[in-house]
Amino acid sequence: MNYSFLSAVPDRVIAHNELLSAQALGKQMKIHSTQLGVPDLDDVKIAIIGVPESRNDIDYIGQELDFDSIRKALYALFPGNWPKSIADLGDILPGETVEDTYFALRSTITDLLKLKIIPIVIGGSQDLTYAAYRAYDEVIPMVNIVNVDCNFDLGDSSKPINNKSFLGKIIMEKPYNLFNYATVGYQTYFNSGDEIDLMQKLYFEAYRLGEVNADISMVEPVFRDANIVSLDLRSVRASVLSDRQKNSPNGFDGREICSIARYAGISNKVSSFGIFEYQESSNDDLTSGLIAQMIWYFIEGVNCRVADDDFEDEKHYQRYTVLIEDNDLIFLKSIKTGRWWIEIPFLPNVNNKLKRHTLLPCMHSDYVDATNGIIPERWFKAFKKNSI
């Protein structure tokens, strides 16, 4: 792995960590320091990276970032019963250009993915998601992204990339590796009608804030199918954040956003997780504390992962077939975990993205709806994407 892009965790944070309880998370982590250098990654499963890059933020006015308060809050938490080792690799400092930062982040994430290490990225503006996406070019052929956000971030792909238009660049730039994109927690009044229509035409998924507030468990299957989870702090309600971080009176509360982080962690497919749009504030305790707890819940989720998505052996699952509108919908239920999947059929006469039958995570309620003649929306969108 190339360590040249990584800058050590500041000495002032290391000094703070020395004062913590021996049981604190900071004492259990491997930390990149100026004194000891980059830690050995042989047994590391999760790596934290800060990227204080915000020059492509549409509201950028020259402010600089550091993540000291987040690290101090995170280090002071107590870990759960976690067998997986964690490292803090420090920061990727802004390059001469934003493209240089993208290259450094992309290269670092690619290296970590090849080592089977899950990166947790703390940003900076959310256009860094583009670099995380491009990191998969050498790793897997098709990528699913979940964006926890009040906006779709489609933007105008013909214009330079920014934190409100990175998805347009992801969609339009070769190689075309994006299979599915889902937005969790969007707020209609922050998105134009054209963007909402485009999301529908592309068969991407979108879950309104009110829907998720009413039943947060509905988005668990969405995260179960994601490779990249990108979380915009602007999706969080202003009342639970520090002064400069306040964006909207509506959004997820602290409990909901931590539940979402745990859903991301518990997914067997999620291999990178990013928290973006951090803004430092003079009274930063609320935001830094919440981000630390979100990271804690993501790590907790990773340590609670259960491999139940191997359906080669029929002893491991129950199979249900529902006939609806001349379609045989095949549902599989894991005996070990009780989680549900629905099969997307392979279409041999179509130049589709899938080369075999594939399984789409779903809920028991989707099976119940199918028995009542209702085709699950996630299945319909995935099937249509596969038919293009």
Protein backbone atom coordinates (compact mmCIF):
# COMPACT_ATOMS: atom_id res chain seq x y z
CA MET A 1 0.00 0.00 0.00
CA ASN A 2 1.14 3.54 -0.82
CA TYR A 3 1.38 5.55 2.42
CA SER A 4 2.81 8.71 0.82
CA PHE A 5 -0.57 10.46 0.69
CA LEU A 6 -1.22 10.06 4.42
CA SER A 7 -0.48 12.72 7.02
CA ALA A 8 -0.20 11.67 10.67
CA VAL A 9 -2.85 12.36 13.29
CA PRO A 10 -1.81 15.67 14.95
CA ASP A 11 0.34 15.42 18.08
CA ARG A 12 -2.22 17.40 20.07
CA VAL A 13 -4.80 14.66 19.43
CA ILE A 14 -2.29 11.94 20.32
CA ALA A 15 -1.52 13.79 23.57
CA HIS A 16 -5.23 13.99 24.39
CA ASN A 17 -5.55 10.27 23.73
CA GLU A 18 -2.81 9.50 26.27
CA LEU A 19 -5.00 10.95 29.03
CA LEU A 20 -7.94 8.65 28.31
CA SER A 21 -8.95 5.49 30.14
CA ALA A 22 -7.10 2.35 29.15
CA GLN A 23 -10.46 0.93 28.04
CA ALA A 24 -11.25 3.86 25.72
CA LEU A 25 -11.52 3.23 21.99
CA GLY A 26 -8.53 5.45 21.26
CA LYS A 27 -6.32 3.15 23.34
CA GLN A 28 -7.56 0.11 21.39
CA MET A 29 -6.87 1.57 17.93
CA LYS A 30 -3.73 1.63 15.82
CA ILE A 31 -2.98 5.31 15.14
CA HIS A 32 -0.73 6.90 12.52
CA SER A 33 1.48 9.26 14.51
CA THR A 34 4.56 11.34 13.70
CA GLN A 35 6.52 9.38 16.30
CA LEU A 36 5.55 5.82 15.28
CA GLY A 37 4.56 6.29 11.63
CA VAL A 38 1.88 4.32 9.80
CA PRO A 39 0.76 1.29 11.82
CA ASP A 40 0.97 -2.29 10.60
CA LEU A 41 -2.27 -3.18 8.81
CA ASP A 42 -1.98 -6.97 8.82
CA ASP A 43 -4.97 -7.60 11.12
CA VAL A 44 -6.82 -4.30 10.54
CA LYS A 45 -10.39 -4.55 9.18
CA ILE A 46 -11.52 -0.89 9.44
CA ALA A 47 -9.46 2.23 8.67
CA ILE A 48 -10.40 5.86 9.35
CA ILE A 49 -9.19 8.57 6.95
CA GLY A 50 -9.80 12.31 7.15
CA VAL A 51 -9.95 14.35 3.93
CA PRO A 52 -10.19 18.10 4.70
CA GLU A 53 -10.97 19.03 1.09
CA SER A 54 -13.86 21.42 0.37
CA ARG A 55 -12.74 23.48 -2.61
CA ASN A 56 -15.53 22.10 -4.81
CA ASP A 57 -18.18 23.10 -2.29
CA ILE A 58 -20.44 25.62 -4.03
CA ASP A 59 -20.26 27.74 -0.84
CA TYR A 60 -16.48 27.47 -0.38
CA ILE A 61 -14.92 30.71 0.89
CA GLY A 62 -11.40 29.53 1.72
CA GLN A 63 -12.03 27.96 5.11
CA GLU A 64 -9.70 25.20 6.31
CA LEU A 65 -10.76 22.02 8.09
CA ASP A 66 -9.35 19.73 10.71
CA PHE A 67 -10.94 16.77 12.43
CA ASP A 68 -9.34 17.11 15.85
CA SER A 69 -12.61 17.47 17.75
CA ILE A 70 -14.13 14.46 15.96
CA ARG A 71 -11.12 12.30 16.75
CA LYS A 72 -11.07 13.39 20.38
CA ALA A 73 -14.78 12.55 20.75
CA LEU A 74 -14.35 9.20 18.99
CA TYR A 75 -11.26 8.15 20.92
CA ALA A 76 -13.03 8.87 24.22
CA LEU A 77 -15.88 6.45 23.50
CA PHE A 78 -15.73 2.89 24.81
CA PRO A 79 -15.75 0.06 22.27
CA GLY A 80 -18.17 -2.82 22.21
CA ASN A 81 -17.13 -6.45 22.13
CA TRP A 82 -15.38 -5.96 18.81
CA PRO A 83 -13.03 -8.61 17.43
CA LYS A 84 -12.11 -6.53 14.38
CA SER A 85 -9.07 -4.27 14.65
CA ILE A 86 -9.35 -0.55 13.80
CA ALA A 87 -6.73 1.92 12.55
CA ASP A 88 -6.75 5.70 12.20
CA LEU A 89 -4.52 6.41 9.20
CA GLY A 90 -4.61 10.17 9.62
CA ASP A 91 -5.48 12.64 6.85
CA ILE A 92 -5.13 13.01 3.12
CA LEU A 93 -4.33 16.71 2.95
CA PRO A 94 -5.61 18.81 0.01
CA GLY A 95 -3.36 18.55 -3.04
CA GLU A 96 -2.30 21.36 -5.33
CA THR A 97 -5.59 20.86 -7.16
CA VAL A 98 -8.81 19.13 -6.14
CA GLU A 99 -8.07 16.49 -8.80
CA ASP A 100 -4.84 15.71 -6.93
CA THR A 101 -6.88 15.11 -3.77
CA TYR A 102 -9.29 12.89 -5.71
CA PHE A 103 -6.36 10.85 -7.04
CA ALA A 104 -4.86 10.41 -3.57
CA LEU A 105 -8.19 9.37 -2.04
CA ARG A 106 -9.01 7.06 -4.94
CA SER A 107 -5.61 5.36 -4.74
CA THR A 108 -5.80 4.96 -0.97
CA ILE A 109 -9.30 3.48 -1.01
CA THR A 110 -8.36 1.09 -3.85
CA ASP A 111 -5.38 -0.14 -1.84
CA LEU A 112 -7.52 -0.63 1.27
CA LEU A 113 -10.24 -2.48 -0.65
CA LYS A 114 -7.65 -4.86 -2.08
CA LEU A 115 -6.50 -5.55 1.48
CA LYS A 116 -10.14 -6.25 2.51
CA ILE A 117 -10.07 -3.20 4.81
CA ILE A 118 -13.19 -1.01 5.07
CA PRO A 119 -12.35 2.72 4.85
CA ILE A 120 -14.34 5.25 6.87
CA VAL A 121 -13.84 8.64 5.20
CA ILE A 122 -14.49 11.88 7.06
CA GLY A 123 -14.87 14.87 4.71
CA GLY A 124 -14.85 17.65 3.39
CA SER A 125 -17.37 18.27 0.66
CA GLN A 126 -19.44 15.38 -0.66
CA ASP A 127 -17.98 15.45 -4.17
CA LEU A 128 -15.28 13.26 -2.59
CA THR A 129 -17.82 10.47 -3.14
CA TYR A 130 -16.80 10.61 -6.80
CA ALA A 131 -13.22 9.65 -5.89
CA ALA A 132 -14.50 6.84 -3.65
CA TYR A 133 -16.61 5.53 -6.56
CA ARG A 134 -13.71 5.59 -9.00
CA ALA A 135 -11.64 3.62 -6.47
CA TYR A 136 -13.76 0.57 -7.36
CA ASP A 137 -12.73 0.58 -11.04
CA GLU A 138 -10.04 -2.01 -10.32
CA VAL A 139 -12.03 -3.94 -7.71
CA ILE A 140 -15.58 -4.84 -8.87
CA PRO A 141 -17.41 -4.44 -12.21
CA MET A 142 -20.65 -2.80 -10.99
CA VAL A 143 -21.19 -0.50 -8.00
CA ASN A 144 -24.24 0.40 -5.92
CA ILE A 145 -24.22 3.73 -4.06
CA VAL A 146 -26.53 4.84 -1.25
CA ASN A 147 -26.55 8.57 -0.54
CA VAL A 148 -28.07 9.69 2.77
CA ASP A 149 -28.98 13.21 1.79
CA CYS A 150 -31.72 15.81 1.49
CA ASN A 151 -30.63 16.33 -2.16
CA PHE A 152 -30.16 13.98 -5.13
CA ASP A 153 -26.91 15.75 -6.13
CA LEU A 154 -27.55 15.13 -9.83
CA GLY A 155 -26.65 18.64 -10.96
CA ASP A 156 -25.55 19.47 -14.52
CA SER A 157 -23.02 16.93 -15.75
CA SER A 158 -21.84 19.35 -18.48
CA LYS A 159 -20.46 21.73 -15.84
CA PRO A 160 -17.45 21.22 -13.53
CA ILE A 161 -18.06 18.86 -10.63
CA ASN A 162 -19.14 20.24 -7.27
CA ASN A 163 -20.72 18.90 -4.09
CA LYS A 164 -24.21 19.25 -5.59
CA SER A 165 -23.49 17.62 -8.97
CA PHE A 166 -21.10 14.71 -8.36
CA LEU A 167 -23.72 12.12 -9.28
CA GLY A 168 -24.02 13.59 -12.79
CA LYS A 169 -20.29 13.03 -13.30
CA ILE A 170 -20.54 9.48 -11.91
CA ILE A 171 -23.37 8.67 -14.36
CA MET A 172 -21.83 10.24 -17.46
CA GLU A 173 -18.14 9.38 -17.13
CA LYS A 174 -16.59 6.19 -18.51
CA PRO A 175 -16.17 3.48 -17.43
CA TYR A 176 -19.89 3.17 -16.64
CA ASN A 177 -19.73 1.15 -13.44
CA LEU A 178 -22.79 2.47 -11.60
CA PHE A 179 -25.64 -0.06 -11.40
CA ASN A 180 -27.87 1.48 -8.76
CA TYR A 181 -28.09 4.74 -6.88
CA ALA A 182 -30.44 5.32 -3.94
CA THR A 183 -31.10 8.49 -1.98
CA VAL A 184 -32.32 8.06 1.59
CA GLY A 185 -34.02 11.00 3.31
CA TYR A 186 -34.51 13.40 0.42
CA GLN A 187 -36.69 16.45 1.01
CA THR A 188 -38.85 17.35 -1.98
CA TYR A 189 -38.54 21.14 -1.65
CA PHE A 190 -34.75 20.90 -2.03
CA ASN A 191 -35.00 19.08 -5.38
CA SER A 192 -36.33 20.34 -8.71
CA GLY A 193 -39.07 18.53 -10.57
CA ASP A 194 -36.62 17.79 -13.38
CA GLU A 195 -34.28 16.00 -10.96
CA ILE A 196 -37.13 13.97 -9.46
CA ASP A 197 -38.26 12.97 -12.98
CA LEU A 198 -34.70 12.01 -13.97
CA MET A 199 -34.33 9.80 -10.90
CA GLN A 200 -37.49 7.98 -12.00
CA LYS A 201 -36.38 7.66 -15.63
CA LEU A 202 -33.07 6.14 -14.56
CA TYR A 203 -34.92 3.74 -12.25
CA PHE A 204 -32.91 4.98 -9.28
CA GLU A 205 -34.39 4.70 -5.81
CA ALA A 206 -35.48 7.63 -3.68
CA TYR A 207 -36.92 7.53 -0.16
CA ARG A 208 -38.49 10.66 1.27
CA LEU A 209 -37.58 11.82 4.73
CA GLY A 210 -41.15 11.36 5.99
CA GLU A 211 -41.27 7.74 4.77
CA VAL A 212 -38.06 6.86 6.57
CA ASN A 213 -39.09 8.75 9.73
CA ALA A 214 -42.27 6.67 9.83
CA ASP A 215 -40.46 3.33 9.55
CA ILE A 216 -36.68 3.49 9.46
CA SER A 217 -36.39 -0.28 9.01
CA MET A 218 -37.73 0.09 5.46
CA VAL A 219 -34.28 1.21 4.24
CA GLU A 220 -32.34 -1.72 5.72
CA PRO A 221 -32.53 -3.71 2.44
CA VAL A 222 -31.25 -0.65 0.53
CA PHE A 223 -28.07 -0.62 2.61
CA ARG A 224 -27.79 -4.41 2.37
CA ASP A 225 -27.34 -3.98 -1.39
CA ALA A 226 -24.86 -1.05 -1.25
CA ASN A 227 -21.12 -1.03 -1.85
CA ILE A 228 -20.60 2.65 -1.04
CA VAL A 229 -22.53 4.65 1.56
CA SER A 230 -22.10 8.42 1.39
CA LEU A 231 -23.72 10.42 4.20
CA ASP A 232 -24.27 14.18 3.91
CA LEU A 233 -24.54 15.89 7.30
CA ARG A 234 -27.10 18.23 5.72
CA SER A 235 -29.54 15.35 6.01
CA VAL A 236 -29.45 15.84 9.79
CA ARG A 237 -31.88 18.11 11.63
CA ALA A 238 -30.36 21.49 12.53
CA SER A 239 -31.38 21.26 16.20
CA VAL A 240 -28.91 18.42 16.86
CA LEU A 241 -25.88 20.13 15.25
CA SER A 242 -23.47 22.97 16.02
CA ASP A 243 -23.89 26.53 14.74
CA ARG A 244 -22.12 26.37 11.35
CA GLN A 245 -23.54 22.94 10.58
CA LYS A 246 -27.20 23.99 10.69
CA ASN A 247 -28.90 23.48 7.33
CA SER A 248 -32.59 22.66 7.70
CA PRO A 249 -35.15 22.48 10.53
CA ASN A 250 -36.15 19.09 9.12
CA GLY A 251 -33.96 16.03 8.83
CA PHE A 252 -32.90 12.93 10.71
CA ASP A 253 -32.46 13.18 14.46
CA GLY A 254 -29.44 11.74 16.28
CA ARG A 255 -31.01 8.36 16.95
CA GLU A 256 -32.14 7.92 13.35
CA ILE A 257 -28.82 8.85 11.78
CA CYS A 258 -26.99 6.46 14.11
CA SER A 259 -29.46 3.69 13.19
CA ILE A 260 -28.71 4.39 9.52
CA ALA A 261 -24.97 4.18 10.21
CA ARG A 262 -25.52 0.81 11.89
CA TYR A 263 -27.56 -0.45 8.92
CA ALA A 264 -24.63 0.50 6.70
CA GLY A 265 -22.19 -1.30 8.96
CA ILE A 266 -24.20 -4.48 9.30
CA SER A 267 -24.51 -4.89 5.52
CA ASN A 268 -22.19 -7.58 4.18
CA LYS A 269 -21.69 -5.66 0.93
CA VAL A 270 -20.82 -2.18 2.21
CA SER A 271 -17.07 -1.80 1.78
CA SER A 272 -16.66 1.97 2.21
CA PHE A 273 -18.49 4.53 4.34
CA GLY A 274 -18.16 8.30 4.18
CA ILE A 275 -19.45 11.18 6.30
CA PHE A 276 -19.25 14.49 4.43
CA GLU A 277 -20.03 18.21 4.58
CA TYR A 278 -18.47 18.70 8.01
CA GLN A 279 -18.13 22.38 8.97
CA GLU A 280 -16.07 23.38 11.99
CA SER A 281 -17.69 25.60 14.59
CA SER A 282 -16.61 27.40 17.75
CA ASN A 283 -19.10 25.30 19.73
CA ASP A 284 -18.35 22.05 17.93
CA ASP A 285 -19.19 19.52 20.63
CA LEU A 286 -22.61 18.58 19.24
CA THR A 287 -21.52 17.88 15.66
CA SER A 288 -18.22 16.21 16.49
CA GLY A 289 -19.90 14.10 19.17
CA LEU A 290 -22.63 13.00 16.77
CA ILE A 291 -20.13 12.09 14.02
CA ALA A 292 -18.11 10.10 16.56
CA GLN A 293 -21.23 8.19 17.58
CA MET A 294 -22.17 7.58 13.93
CA ILE A 295 -18.73 6.07 13.34
CA TRP A 296 -19.12 4.02 16.54
CA TYR A 297 -22.44 2.60 15.30
CA PHE A 298 -21.00 1.82 11.87
CA ILE A 299 -18.13 -0.08 13.49
CA GLU A 300 -20.61 -1.84 15.77
CA GLY A 301 -22.57 -2.90 12.70
CA VAL A 302 -19.47 -4.25 10.95
CA ASN A 303 -18.67 -6.33 14.01
CA CYS A 304 -22.22 -7.73 14.02
CA ARG A 305 -22.16 -8.88 10.38
CA VAL A 306 -23.57 -12.35 9.71
CA ALA A 307 -22.86 -14.06 6.40
CA ASP A 308 -26.27 -15.27 5.24
CA ASP A 309 -26.22 -14.38 1.55
CA ASP A 310 -24.71 -17.63 0.27
CA PHE A 311 -27.70 -19.44 -1.24
CA GLU A 312 -25.89 -22.32 -2.91
CA ASP A 313 -27.18 -24.80 -0.34
CA GLU A 314 -30.97 -25.11 -0.08
CA LYS A 315 -30.64 -26.11 3.58
CA HIS A 316 -29.79 -22.46 4.37
CA TYR A 317 -32.95 -20.83 3.06
CA GLN A 318 -36.66 -21.16 2.42
CA ARG A 319 -37.96 -20.55 -1.10
CA TYR A 320 -41.32 -18.95 -1.95
CA THR A 321 -42.78 -18.44 -5.44
CA VAL A 322 -45.55 -15.92 -6.12
CA LEU A 323 -47.25 -15.66 -9.51
CA ILE A 324 -48.18 -12.06 -10.30
CA GLU A 325 -48.98 -10.49 -13.72
CA ASP A 326 -47.44 -13.47 -15.57
CA ASN A 327 -44.22 -13.13 -13.53
CA ASP A 328 -42.92 -15.75 -11.16
CA LEU A 329 -41.51 -13.74 -8.26
CA ILE A 330 -39.08 -15.91 -6.32
CA PHE A 331 -38.43 -14.95 -2.69
CA LEU A 332 -35.72 -16.46 -0.50
CA LYS A 333 -35.63 -16.24 3.29
CA SER A 334 -32.42 -16.90 5.21
CA ILE A 335 -32.99 -19.47 7.92
CA LYS A 336 -30.05 -18.11 9.91
CA THR A 337 -31.07 -14.43 10.06
CA GLY A 338 -34.65 -14.24 8.80
CA ARG A 339 -33.66 -11.70 6.15
CA TRP A 340 -35.45 -11.76 2.79
CA TRP A 341 -34.30 -11.54 -0.86
CA ILE A 342 -36.10 -11.50 -4.19
CA GLU A 343 -34.60 -12.90 -7.38
CA ILE A 344 -34.02 -10.73 -10.45
CA PRO A 345 -34.14 -13.03 -13.48
CA PHE A 346 -31.38 -13.11 -16.08
CA LEU A 347 -32.60 -12.02 -19.53
CA PRO A 348 -30.45 -13.89 -22.09
CA ASN A 349 -31.64 -11.90 -25.12
CA VAL A 350 -30.93 -8.50 -23.59
CA ASN A 351 -27.53 -6.79 -23.35
CA ASN A 352 -27.97 -6.35 -19.64
CA LYS A 353 -25.59 -5.60 -16.80
CA LEU A 354 -26.18 -8.91 -15.05
CA LYS A 355 -24.82 -12.19 -16.35
CA ARG A 356 -26.84 -14.47 -14.11
CA HIS A 357 -29.80 -14.51 -11.75
CA THR A 358 -29.09 -12.15 -8.90
CA LEU A 359 -30.68 -11.58 -5.51
CA LEU A 360 -32.06 -8.24 -4.41
CA PRO A 361 -32.50 -7.63 -0.66
CA CYS A 362 -36.10 -7.01 0.36
CA MET A 363 -38.39 -7.22 3.39
CA HIS A 364 -41.06 -9.66 4.50
CA SER A 365 -43.62 -6.96 3.71
CA ASP A 366 -42.56 -7.14 0.03
CA TYR A 367 -43.47 -10.82 0.01
CA VAL A 368 -46.82 -10.06 1.68
CA ASP A 369 -47.50 -7.32 -0.90
CA ALA A 370 -46.68 -9.74 -3.74
CA THR A 371 -49.19 -12.29 -2.41
CA ASN A 372 -51.75 -9.47 -2.61
CA GLY A 373 -50.91 -8.72 -6.24
CA ILE A 374 -48.52 -5.79 -5.67
CA ILE A 375 -45.14 -5.93 -7.46
CA PRO A 376 -42.36 -4.66 -5.15
CA GLU A 377 -41.06 -1.33 -6.43
CA ARG A 378 -37.38 -2.21 -5.80
CA TRP A 379 -37.78 -5.39 -7.90
CA PHE A 380 -39.49 -3.47 -10.70
CA LYS A 381 -36.74 -0.83 -10.89
CA ALA A 382 -33.94 -3.39 -10.75
CA PHE A 383 -35.65 -5.51 -13.43
CA LYS A 384 -36.10 -2.48 -15.72
CA LYS A 385 -32.45 -1.41 -15.26
CA ASN A 386 -31.39 -4.95 -16.11
CA SER A 387 -33.53 -4.86 -19.27
CA ILE A 388 -31.93 -1.72 -20.72
